[in-house]
Amino acid sequence: MKTLLSLILVCSLYGCQSSAQSEKSNKDFEITKTDDEWKAELSDMEYRVLRKAATERPFTSELLNIKEPGVFVCAACENPLYETKHKFDSGTGWPSFDRAIEGSLAYSSDRKLGYKRDELLCGKCGSHLGHVFDDGPRETTGKRHCINGVALDFKPKNN
């Protein structure tokens, strides 16, 4: 009986492992660097979020309240990802957008919380950005791209 319970426990834990990192590594991205190169270029928090799929605390991003016209780019490679005109206040504490710039993202999935979530990655370097959910504004796409602010840099529109 103990052996059976141990086997069930091991299988359950294995089943909850995230497959995002293995799926991500199988895709060839335009920008590829070693782990040491990423560590040297990114801040500690950027590295943890962008390369290890951590999540920043809600309501801590300096980008949360930006409303001026411009583009949000990947903090790792400056790939243009989101435009301010598609940003909205979701009340979640993370920058939220109803859509990305076409062709800017790659998609994966993870099961870190025990259920499948759709993970958003930078389409150029494969960095983890956040997740997409189906609870966004119904009058537009119905999607909510919930993005870690530390994964983004903001480039104001030049007038």
N, C-alpha and C. Protein backbone atom coordinates (compact mmCIF):
# COMPACT_ATOMS: atom_id res chain seq x y z
N MET A 1 0.83 -1.20 0.00
CA MET A 1 0.00 0.00 0.00
C MET A 1 0.87 1.26 0.00
N LYS A 2 1.94 1.25 0.84
CA LYS A 2 2.86 2.40 0.89
C LYS A 2 3.50 2.64 -0.47
N THR A 3 3.88 1.56 -1.11
CA THR A 3 4.52 1.67 -2.43
C THR A 3 3.55 2.28 -3.43
N LEU A 4 2.32 1.87 -3.41
CA LEU A 4 1.31 2.41 -4.32
C LEU A 4 1.09 3.90 -4.07
N LEU A 5 0.99 4.29 -2.80
CA LEU A 5 0.82 5.70 -2.47
C LEU A 5 2.03 6.52 -2.89
N SER A 6 3.22 5.98 -2.70
CA SER A 6 4.44 6.67 -3.11
C SER A 6 4.47 6.85 -4.62
N LEU A 7 4.08 5.82 -5.35
CA LEU A 7 4.05 5.89 -6.80
C LEU A 7 3.04 6.94 -7.28
N ILE A 8 1.89 6.99 -6.66
CA ILE A 8 0.87 7.99 -7.01
C ILE A 8 1.38 9.40 -6.74
N LEU A 9 2.03 9.58 -5.60
CA LEU A 9 2.58 10.89 -5.26
C LEU A 9 3.64 11.34 -6.26
N VAL A 10 4.54 10.46 -6.62
CA VAL A 10 5.59 10.78 -7.58
C VAL A 10 4.98 11.14 -8.94
N CYS A 11 4.02 10.37 -9.39
CA CYS A 11 3.36 10.64 -10.67
C CYS A 11 2.63 11.98 -10.64
N SER A 12 1.99 12.29 -9.53
CA SER A 12 1.27 13.55 -9.39
C SER A 12 2.22 14.73 -9.46
N LEU A 13 3.33 14.65 -8.75
CA LEU A 13 4.31 15.73 -8.76
C LEU A 13 4.92 15.89 -10.14
N TYR A 14 5.23 14.78 -10.79
CA TYR A 14 5.80 14.84 -12.13
C TYR A 14 4.81 15.47 -13.10
N GLY A 15 3.55 15.15 -12.95
CA GLY A 15 2.51 15.67 -13.84
C GLY A 15 2.30 17.16 -13.69
N CYS A 16 2.66 17.74 -12.55
CA CYS A 16 2.49 19.16 -12.32
C CYS A 16 3.70 19.98 -12.73
N GLN A 17 4.74 19.31 -13.20
CA GLN A 17 5.92 20.05 -13.63
C GLN A 17 5.59 20.88 -14.85
N SER A 18 6.24 22.03 -14.95
CA SER A 18 6.04 22.89 -16.10
C SER A 18 6.77 22.34 -17.31
N SER A 19 6.09 22.30 -18.43
CA SER A 19 6.73 21.88 -19.67
C SER A 19 7.17 23.09 -20.48
N ALA A 20 6.92 24.28 -19.98
CA ALA A 20 7.22 25.49 -20.74
C ALA A 20 8.69 25.61 -21.07
N GLN A 21 9.56 25.34 -20.11
CA GLN A 21 10.98 25.49 -20.37
C GLN A 21 11.45 24.52 -21.44
N SER A 22 10.97 23.26 -21.41
CA SER A 22 11.41 22.30 -22.42
C SER A 22 10.83 22.65 -23.77
N GLU A 23 9.56 23.12 -23.82
CA GLU A 23 8.97 23.52 -25.08
C GLU A 23 9.70 24.74 -25.63
N LYS A 24 10.03 25.67 -24.75
CA LYS A 24 10.70 26.88 -25.17
C LYS A 24 12.07 26.56 -25.76
N SER A 25 12.82 25.66 -25.16
CA SER A 25 14.16 25.36 -25.62
C SER A 25 14.15 24.64 -26.96
N ASN A 26 13.01 24.02 -27.32
CA ASN A 26 12.94 23.32 -28.60
C ASN A 26 12.69 24.26 -29.78
N LYS A 27 12.33 25.49 -29.52
CA LYS A 27 12.07 26.46 -30.58
C LYS A 27 13.33 27.26 -30.85
N ASP A 28 13.63 27.44 -32.10
CA ASP A 28 14.78 28.26 -32.46
C ASP A 28 14.35 29.72 -32.52
N PHE A 29 14.92 30.52 -31.63
CA PHE A 29 14.64 31.95 -31.62
C PHE A 29 15.78 32.68 -32.31
N GLU A 30 15.47 33.84 -32.85
CA GLU A 30 16.47 34.64 -33.55
C GLU A 30 17.65 34.99 -32.64
N ILE A 31 17.34 35.31 -31.37
CA ILE A 31 18.38 35.65 -30.40
C ILE A 31 18.50 34.50 -29.41
N THR A 32 19.67 33.91 -29.35
CA THR A 32 19.94 32.85 -28.38
C THR A 32 21.24 33.19 -27.66
N LYS A 33 21.23 33.02 -26.36
CA LYS A 33 22.40 33.30 -25.54
C LYS A 33 22.52 32.23 -24.47
N THR A 34 23.70 32.10 -23.92
CA THR A 34 23.88 31.16 -22.82
C THR A 34 23.26 31.76 -21.56
N ASP A 35 23.04 30.91 -20.58
CA ASP A 35 22.51 31.35 -19.30
C ASP A 35 23.43 32.41 -18.68
N ASP A 36 24.73 32.20 -18.77
CA ASP A 36 25.69 33.17 -18.22
C ASP A 36 25.61 34.52 -18.93
N GLU A 37 25.40 34.50 -20.25
CA GLU A 37 25.27 35.76 -20.99
C GLU A 37 24.02 36.52 -20.56
N TRP A 38 22.90 35.80 -20.39
CA TRP A 38 21.67 36.45 -19.93
C TRP A 38 21.87 37.03 -18.54
N LYS A 39 22.50 36.27 -17.63
CA LYS A 39 22.74 36.75 -16.27
C LYS A 39 23.57 38.02 -16.26
N ALA A 40 24.54 38.11 -17.16
CA ALA A 40 25.42 39.28 -17.22
C ALA A 40 24.69 40.52 -17.75
N GLU A 41 23.67 40.33 -18.58
CA GLU A 41 22.98 41.45 -19.23
C GLU A 41 21.74 41.93 -18.49
N LEU A 42 21.12 41.06 -17.73
CA LEU A 42 19.85 41.40 -17.09
C LEU A 42 20.03 41.62 -15.59
N SER A 43 19.15 42.43 -15.02
CA SER A 43 19.14 42.55 -13.56
C SER A 43 18.69 41.22 -12.97
N ASP A 44 18.87 41.05 -11.68
CA ASP A 44 18.48 39.80 -11.03
C ASP A 44 16.99 39.51 -11.24
N MET A 45 16.14 40.51 -11.04
CA MET A 45 14.69 40.30 -11.20
C MET A 45 14.34 40.05 -12.66
N GLU A 46 14.94 40.80 -13.59
CA GLU A 46 14.69 40.55 -15.02
C GLU A 46 15.07 39.12 -15.38
N TYR A 47 16.21 38.67 -14.91
CA TYR A 47 16.65 37.31 -15.20
C TYR A 47 15.66 36.29 -14.66
N ARG A 48 15.23 36.46 -13.42
CA ARG A 48 14.31 35.49 -12.81
C ARG A 48 12.99 35.43 -13.58
N VAL A 49 12.47 36.59 -13.99
CA VAL A 49 11.20 36.62 -14.72
C VAL A 49 11.38 36.19 -16.16
N LEU A 50 12.28 36.83 -16.88
CA LEU A 50 12.43 36.58 -18.31
C LEU A 50 12.99 35.20 -18.65
N ARG A 51 13.93 34.72 -17.86
CA ARG A 51 14.61 33.48 -18.22
C ARG A 51 14.18 32.28 -17.37
N LYS A 52 13.61 32.53 -16.17
CA LYS A 52 13.20 31.43 -15.30
C LYS A 52 11.70 31.43 -15.02
N ALA A 53 10.97 32.29 -15.71
CA ALA A 53 9.50 32.34 -15.64
C ALA A 53 8.95 32.63 -14.25
N ALA A 54 9.67 33.45 -13.48
CA ALA A 54 9.14 33.90 -12.19
C ALA A 54 8.06 34.94 -12.44
N THR A 55 7.37 35.35 -11.38
CA THR A 55 6.34 36.38 -11.47
C THR A 55 6.66 37.47 -10.48
N GLU A 56 6.63 38.73 -10.96
CA GLU A 56 6.86 39.84 -10.04
C GLU A 56 5.62 40.04 -9.17
N ARG A 57 5.78 40.71 -8.05
CA ARG A 57 4.65 40.99 -7.17
C ARG A 57 3.69 41.96 -7.87
N PRO A 58 2.40 41.81 -7.66
CA PRO A 58 1.43 42.72 -8.28
C PRO A 58 1.59 44.15 -7.73
N PHE A 59 1.21 45.10 -8.54
CA PHE A 59 1.19 46.53 -8.22
C PHE A 59 2.58 47.10 -7.92
N THR A 60 3.64 46.46 -8.43
CA THR A 60 5.00 46.96 -8.20
C THR A 60 5.63 47.54 -9.46
N SER A 61 5.04 47.36 -10.61
CA SER A 61 5.64 47.80 -11.86
C SER A 61 5.46 49.29 -12.09
N GLU A 62 6.54 49.94 -12.49
CA GLU A 62 6.49 51.36 -12.86
C GLU A 62 5.70 51.56 -14.15
N LEU A 63 5.48 50.50 -14.90
CA LEU A 63 4.77 50.60 -16.18
C LEU A 63 3.26 50.47 -16.04
N LEU A 64 2.79 50.16 -14.86
CA LEU A 64 1.38 49.87 -14.64
C LEU A 64 0.46 51.02 -15.07
N ASN A 65 0.85 52.26 -14.79
CA ASN A 65 -0.03 53.40 -15.06
C ASN A 65 0.33 54.21 -16.30
N ILE A 66 1.22 53.70 -17.13
CA ILE A 66 1.58 54.43 -18.36
C ILE A 66 0.39 54.43 -19.31
N LYS A 67 0.06 55.65 -19.78
CA LYS A 67 -1.05 55.80 -20.72
C LYS A 67 -0.63 56.56 -21.98
N GLU A 68 0.56 57.14 -21.97
CA GLU A 68 1.00 57.93 -23.12
C GLU A 68 1.30 57.03 -24.32
N PRO A 69 1.12 57.55 -25.54
CA PRO A 69 1.36 56.74 -26.73
C PRO A 69 2.79 56.24 -26.80
N GLY A 70 2.93 55.00 -27.21
CA GLY A 70 4.25 54.41 -27.34
C GLY A 70 4.16 52.91 -27.50
N VAL A 71 5.33 52.28 -27.38
CA VAL A 71 5.45 50.84 -27.58
C VAL A 71 6.17 50.22 -26.39
N PHE A 72 5.67 49.09 -25.92
CA PHE A 72 6.31 48.31 -24.88
C PHE A 72 7.14 47.24 -25.57
N VAL A 73 8.43 47.18 -25.25
CA VAL A 73 9.35 46.25 -25.90
C VAL A 73 9.88 45.25 -24.89
N CYS A 74 10.38 44.12 -25.37
CA CYS A 74 10.97 43.11 -24.51
C CYS A 74 12.19 43.71 -23.81
N ALA A 75 12.28 43.56 -22.50
CA ALA A 75 13.40 44.10 -21.73
C ALA A 75 14.71 43.36 -22.03
N ALA A 76 14.63 42.18 -22.61
CA ALA A 76 15.83 41.42 -22.92
C ALA A 76 16.40 41.73 -24.30
N CYS A 77 15.52 42.00 -25.28
CA CYS A 77 16.02 42.16 -26.66
C CYS A 77 15.42 43.34 -27.42
N GLU A 78 14.54 44.10 -26.79
CA GLU A 78 13.89 45.28 -27.39
C GLU A 78 12.96 44.96 -28.55
N ASN A 79 12.48 43.74 -28.63
CA ASN A 79 11.47 43.38 -29.64
C ASN A 79 10.18 44.11 -29.31
N PRO A 80 9.60 44.90 -30.24
CA PRO A 80 8.32 45.57 -29.98
C PRO A 80 7.20 44.54 -29.78
N LEU A 81 6.50 44.65 -28.64
CA LEU A 81 5.49 43.65 -28.26
C LEU A 81 4.07 44.19 -28.18
N TYR A 82 3.90 45.35 -27.53
CA TYR A 82 2.57 45.89 -27.27
C TYR A 82 2.55 47.39 -27.50
N GLU A 83 1.38 47.89 -27.94
CA GLU A 83 1.18 49.34 -28.09
C GLU A 83 0.29 49.82 -26.94
N THR A 84 0.55 51.05 -26.50
CA THR A 84 -0.23 51.62 -25.40
C THR A 84 -1.73 51.60 -25.71
N LYS A 85 -2.10 51.80 -26.96
CA LYS A 85 -3.53 51.86 -27.30
C LYS A 85 -4.27 50.55 -27.02
N HIS A 86 -3.54 49.46 -26.80
CA HIS A 86 -4.18 48.18 -26.48
C HIS A 86 -4.01 47.79 -25.01
N LYS A 87 -3.56 48.75 -24.19
CA LYS A 87 -3.36 48.53 -22.76
C LYS A 87 -4.65 48.90 -22.03
N PHE A 88 -4.97 48.17 -20.97
CA PHE A 88 -6.15 48.51 -20.17
C PHE A 88 -5.88 48.18 -18.71
N ASP A 89 -6.66 48.77 -17.83
CA ASP A 89 -6.53 48.52 -16.40
C ASP A 89 -7.39 47.31 -16.04
N SER A 90 -6.73 46.19 -15.79
CA SER A 90 -7.45 44.96 -15.46
C SER A 90 -7.74 44.85 -13.97
N GLY A 91 -7.08 45.70 -13.17
CA GLY A 91 -7.25 45.63 -11.73
C GLY A 91 -6.44 44.51 -11.08
N THR A 92 -5.64 43.81 -11.86
CA THR A 92 -4.88 42.67 -11.34
C THR A 92 -3.54 43.05 -10.73
N GLY A 93 -3.03 44.24 -11.09
CA GLY A 93 -1.72 44.66 -10.58
C GLY A 93 -0.58 44.42 -11.54
N TRP A 94 -0.87 43.92 -12.73
CA TRP A 94 0.14 43.74 -13.76
C TRP A 94 -0.32 44.47 -15.02
N PRO A 95 0.64 45.00 -15.80
CA PRO A 95 0.25 45.61 -17.07
C PRO A 95 -0.54 44.60 -17.91
N SER A 96 -1.66 45.05 -18.46
CA SER A 96 -2.53 44.17 -19.22
C SER A 96 -2.85 44.78 -20.58
N PHE A 97 -2.91 43.92 -21.58
CA PHE A 97 -3.17 44.33 -22.96
C PHE A 97 -4.18 43.37 -23.56
N ASP A 98 -4.99 43.87 -24.50
CA ASP A 98 -5.97 42.97 -25.12
C ASP A 98 -5.42 42.29 -26.38
N ARG A 99 -4.25 42.72 -26.83
CA ARG A 99 -3.59 42.09 -27.99
C ARG A 99 -2.15 42.55 -28.07
N ALA A 100 -1.36 41.78 -28.78
CA ALA A 100 0.05 42.10 -29.01
C ALA A 100 0.22 42.62 -30.43
N ILE A 101 1.38 43.16 -30.71
CA ILE A 101 1.74 43.51 -32.07
C ILE A 101 1.84 42.20 -32.85
N GLU A 102 1.19 42.13 -33.99
CA GLU A 102 1.12 40.90 -34.75
C GLU A 102 2.51 40.32 -35.03
N GLY A 103 2.67 39.04 -34.75
CA GLY A 103 3.91 38.33 -35.01
C GLY A 103 5.01 38.52 -33.98
N SER A 104 4.71 39.23 -32.88
CA SER A 104 5.75 39.55 -31.90
C SER A 104 5.93 38.50 -30.81
N LEU A 105 4.96 37.60 -30.67
CA LEU A 105 4.98 36.65 -29.56
C LEU A 105 5.16 35.21 -30.03
N ALA A 106 5.61 34.39 -29.11
CA ALA A 106 5.57 32.93 -29.24
C ALA A 106 4.72 32.44 -28.07
N TYR A 107 4.17 31.26 -28.21
CA TYR A 107 3.26 30.74 -27.19
C TYR A 107 3.74 29.38 -26.70
N SER A 108 3.50 29.13 -25.44
CA SER A 108 3.82 27.85 -24.83
C SER A 108 2.73 27.59 -23.79
N SER A 109 2.94 26.62 -22.94
CA SER A 109 1.99 26.40 -21.85
C SER A 109 2.77 25.93 -20.63
N ASP A 110 2.17 26.16 -19.48
CA ASP A 110 2.78 25.66 -18.25
C ASP A 110 1.70 25.12 -17.33
N ARG A 111 2.13 24.32 -16.40
CA ARG A 111 1.23 23.71 -15.41
C ARG A 111 1.77 23.94 -14.00
N LYS A 112 2.45 25.07 -13.80
CA LYS A 112 3.07 25.36 -12.50
C LYS A 112 2.05 25.41 -11.37
N LEU A 113 0.84 25.80 -11.66
CA LEU A 113 -0.19 25.91 -10.63
C LEU A 113 -1.11 24.70 -10.59
N GLY A 114 -0.74 23.66 -11.35
CA GLY A 114 -1.53 22.44 -11.36
C GLY A 114 -2.58 22.38 -12.44
N TYR A 115 -2.69 23.43 -13.23
CA TYR A 115 -3.59 23.43 -14.38
C TYR A 115 -2.89 24.14 -15.53
N LYS A 116 -3.35 23.91 -16.74
CA LYS A 116 -2.70 24.44 -17.92
C LYS A 116 -2.99 25.93 -18.09
N ARG A 117 -1.91 26.70 -18.29
CA ARG A 117 -2.05 28.12 -18.62
C ARG A 117 -1.29 28.38 -19.91
N ASP A 118 -1.78 29.34 -20.70
CA ASP A 118 -1.12 29.72 -21.94
C ASP A 118 -0.07 30.77 -21.64
N GLU A 119 1.19 30.41 -21.85
CA GLU A 119 2.32 31.28 -21.56
C GLU A 119 2.68 32.12 -22.78
N LEU A 120 3.02 33.38 -22.52
CA LEU A 120 3.44 34.30 -23.58
C LEU A 120 4.95 34.48 -23.51
N LEU A 121 5.60 34.32 -24.66
CA LEU A 121 7.05 34.46 -24.78
C LEU A 121 7.37 35.50 -25.83
N CYS A 122 8.51 36.16 -25.68
CA CYS A 122 8.98 37.06 -26.73
C CYS A 122 9.29 36.20 -27.95
N GLY A 123 8.77 36.59 -29.09
CA GLY A 123 8.98 35.82 -30.32
C GLY A 123 10.39 35.92 -30.87
N LYS A 124 11.17 36.84 -30.36
CA LYS A 124 12.53 37.03 -30.87
C LYS A 124 13.59 36.33 -30.02
N CYS A 125 13.42 36.35 -28.68
CA CYS A 125 14.45 35.76 -27.80
C CYS A 125 13.91 34.65 -26.90
N GLY A 126 12.59 34.42 -26.90
CA GLY A 126 12.01 33.35 -26.10
C GLY A 126 11.84 33.65 -24.64
N SER A 127 12.02 34.91 -24.24
CA SER A 127 11.87 35.27 -22.83
C SER A 127 10.42 35.19 -22.38
N HIS A 128 10.23 34.74 -21.13
CA HIS A 128 8.90 34.66 -20.52
C HIS A 128 8.39 36.07 -20.23
N LEU A 129 7.16 36.34 -20.67
CA LEU A 129 6.54 37.65 -20.45
C LEU A 129 5.41 37.56 -19.42
N GLY A 130 4.57 36.56 -19.55
CA GLY A 130 3.41 36.41 -18.69
C GLY A 130 2.49 35.35 -19.26
N HIS A 131 1.17 35.57 -19.11
CA HIS A 131 0.17 34.60 -19.56
C HIS A 131 -1.00 35.32 -20.22
N VAL A 132 -1.77 34.59 -21.00
CA VAL A 132 -2.97 35.15 -21.62
C VAL A 132 -4.19 34.42 -21.07
N PHE A 133 -5.23 35.22 -20.78
CA PHE A 133 -6.47 34.69 -20.21
C PHE A 133 -7.66 35.18 -21.05
N ASP A 134 -8.79 34.53 -20.89
CA ASP A 134 -10.00 34.86 -21.65
C ASP A 134 -10.94 35.78 -20.89
N ASP A 135 -10.41 36.64 -20.02
CA ASP A 135 -11.27 37.54 -19.25
C ASP A 135 -10.97 39.02 -19.54
N GLY A 136 -10.56 39.29 -20.76
CA GLY A 136 -10.28 40.67 -21.16
C GLY A 136 -11.53 41.39 -21.62
N PRO A 137 -11.38 42.61 -22.10
CA PRO A 137 -12.54 43.41 -22.54
C PRO A 137 -13.32 42.72 -23.67
N ARG A 138 -14.59 42.47 -23.42
CA ARG A 138 -15.45 41.79 -24.40
C ARG A 138 -15.67 42.63 -25.66
N GLU A 139 -15.59 43.96 -25.51
CA GLU A 139 -15.84 44.83 -26.67
C GLU A 139 -14.66 44.83 -27.65
N THR A 140 -13.53 44.23 -27.26
CA THR A 140 -12.38 44.14 -28.18
C THR A 140 -12.11 42.66 -28.46
N THR A 141 -11.05 42.11 -27.92
CA THR A 141 -10.67 40.73 -28.23
C THR A 141 -11.15 39.71 -27.19
N GLY A 142 -11.53 40.18 -26.00
CA GLY A 142 -11.88 39.27 -24.92
C GLY A 142 -10.67 38.65 -24.24
N LYS A 143 -9.48 39.02 -24.68
CA LYS A 143 -8.24 38.48 -24.12
C LYS A 143 -7.61 39.45 -23.14
N ARG A 144 -6.89 38.88 -22.17
CA ARG A 144 -6.08 39.68 -21.24
C ARG A 144 -4.68 39.11 -21.23
N HIS A 145 -3.75 39.86 -21.84
CA HIS A 145 -2.34 39.50 -21.78
C HIS A 145 -1.82 40.10 -20.48
N CYS A 146 -1.60 39.25 -19.49
CA CYS A 146 -1.15 39.66 -18.16
C CYS A 146 0.37 39.57 -18.15
N ILE A 147 1.04 40.72 -18.16
CA ILE A 147 2.48 40.77 -18.42
C ILE A 147 3.23 41.31 -17.20
N ASN A 148 4.34 40.66 -16.88
CA ASN A 148 5.24 41.17 -15.84
C ASN A 148 5.85 42.47 -16.34
N GLY A 149 5.68 43.55 -15.57
CA GLY A 149 6.25 44.84 -15.97
C GLY A 149 7.75 44.80 -16.14
N VAL A 150 8.44 44.01 -15.32
CA VAL A 150 9.89 43.92 -15.41
C VAL A 150 10.33 43.27 -16.73
N ALA A 151 9.43 42.60 -17.41
CA ALA A 151 9.74 41.97 -18.70
C ALA A 151 9.68 42.97 -19.85
N LEU A 152 9.22 44.19 -19.55
CA LEU A 152 9.02 45.20 -20.58
C LEU A 152 9.84 46.47 -20.32
N ASP A 153 10.14 47.17 -21.40
CA ASP A 153 10.63 48.56 -21.35
C ASP A 153 9.65 49.36 -22.19
N PHE A 154 9.48 50.64 -21.86
CA PHE A 154 8.55 51.49 -22.60
C PHE A 154 9.30 52.49 -23.46
N LYS A 155 8.91 52.59 -24.72
CA LYS A 155 9.49 53.55 -25.66
C LYS A 155 8.37 54.52 -26.07
N PRO A 156 8.42 55.78 -25.55
CA PRO A 156 7.36 56.72 -25.93
C PRO A 156 7.38 57.00 -27.43
N LYS A 157 6.20 57.31 -27.96
CA LYS A 157 6.09 57.63 -29.38
C LYS A 157 6.72 58.99 -29.62
N ASN A 158 7.55 59.06 -30.64
CA ASN A 158 8.17 60.34 -31.01
C ASN A 158 7.17 61.15 -31.83
N ASN A 159 6.96 62.40 -31.41
CA ASN A 159 5.99 63.25 -32.14
C ASN A 159 6.64 63.94 -33.29
